Protein backbone atom coordinates (compact mmCIF):
# COMPACT_ATOMS: atom_id res chain seq x y z
CA UNK A 1 50.07 75.66 128.73
CA UNK A 2 52.86 76.44 131.11
CA UNK A 3 53.11 78.66 134.03
CA UNK A 4 56.25 80.24 132.84
CA UNK A 5 54.81 83.69 132.01
CA UNK A 6 53.09 83.82 135.38
CA UNK A 7 56.28 82.89 137.29
CA UNK A 8 58.31 85.45 135.44
CA UNK A 9 55.74 88.04 136.26
CA UNK A 10 55.67 87.04 139.89
CA UNK A 11 59.46 87.18 140.00
CA UNK A 12 59.43 90.71 138.48
CA UNK A 13 56.97 91.78 141.10
CA UNK A 14 59.19 90.51 143.82
CA UNK A 15 62.27 92.21 142.37
CA UNK A 16 60.21 95.50 141.96
CA UNK A 17 59.14 95.17 145.67
CA UNK A 18 62.74 94.67 146.89
CA UNK A 19 63.89 97.55 144.74
CA UNK A 20 61.22 99.96 146.15
CA UNK A 21 61.97 98.76 149.71
CA UNK A 22 65.68 99.42 149.19
CA UNK A 23 65.13 102.91 147.74
CA UNK A 24 62.78 103.96 150.52
CA UNK A 25 65.31 102.60 153.03
CA UNK A 26 68.11 104.68 151.43
CA UNK A 27 65.91 107.80 151.48
CA UNK A 28 64.98 107.19 155.24
CA UNK A 29 68.59 106.58 156.17
CA UNK A 30 69.77 109.71 154.34
CA UNK A 31 67.10 111.90 156.06
CA UNK A 32 68.01 110.40 159.44
CA UNK A 33 71.70 111.16 159.00
CA UNK A 34 71.04 114.61 157.64
CA UNK A 35 68.59 115.48 160.44
CA UNK A 36 70.70 114.06 163.13
CA UNK A 37 73.57 116.41 162.07
CA UNK A 38 71.47 119.56 162.44
CA UNK A 39 71.71 121.51 165.58
CA UNK A 40 68.81 121.33 168.02
């Protein structure tokens, strides 16, 4: 048997982790810009 299905699953997990990190980063950046524009 080969490890191809396992390596594909691992690659999918890595891609999912990168995507979630990017989405959270965009949300945090958006909130930072929005809040920094508000008057104190």
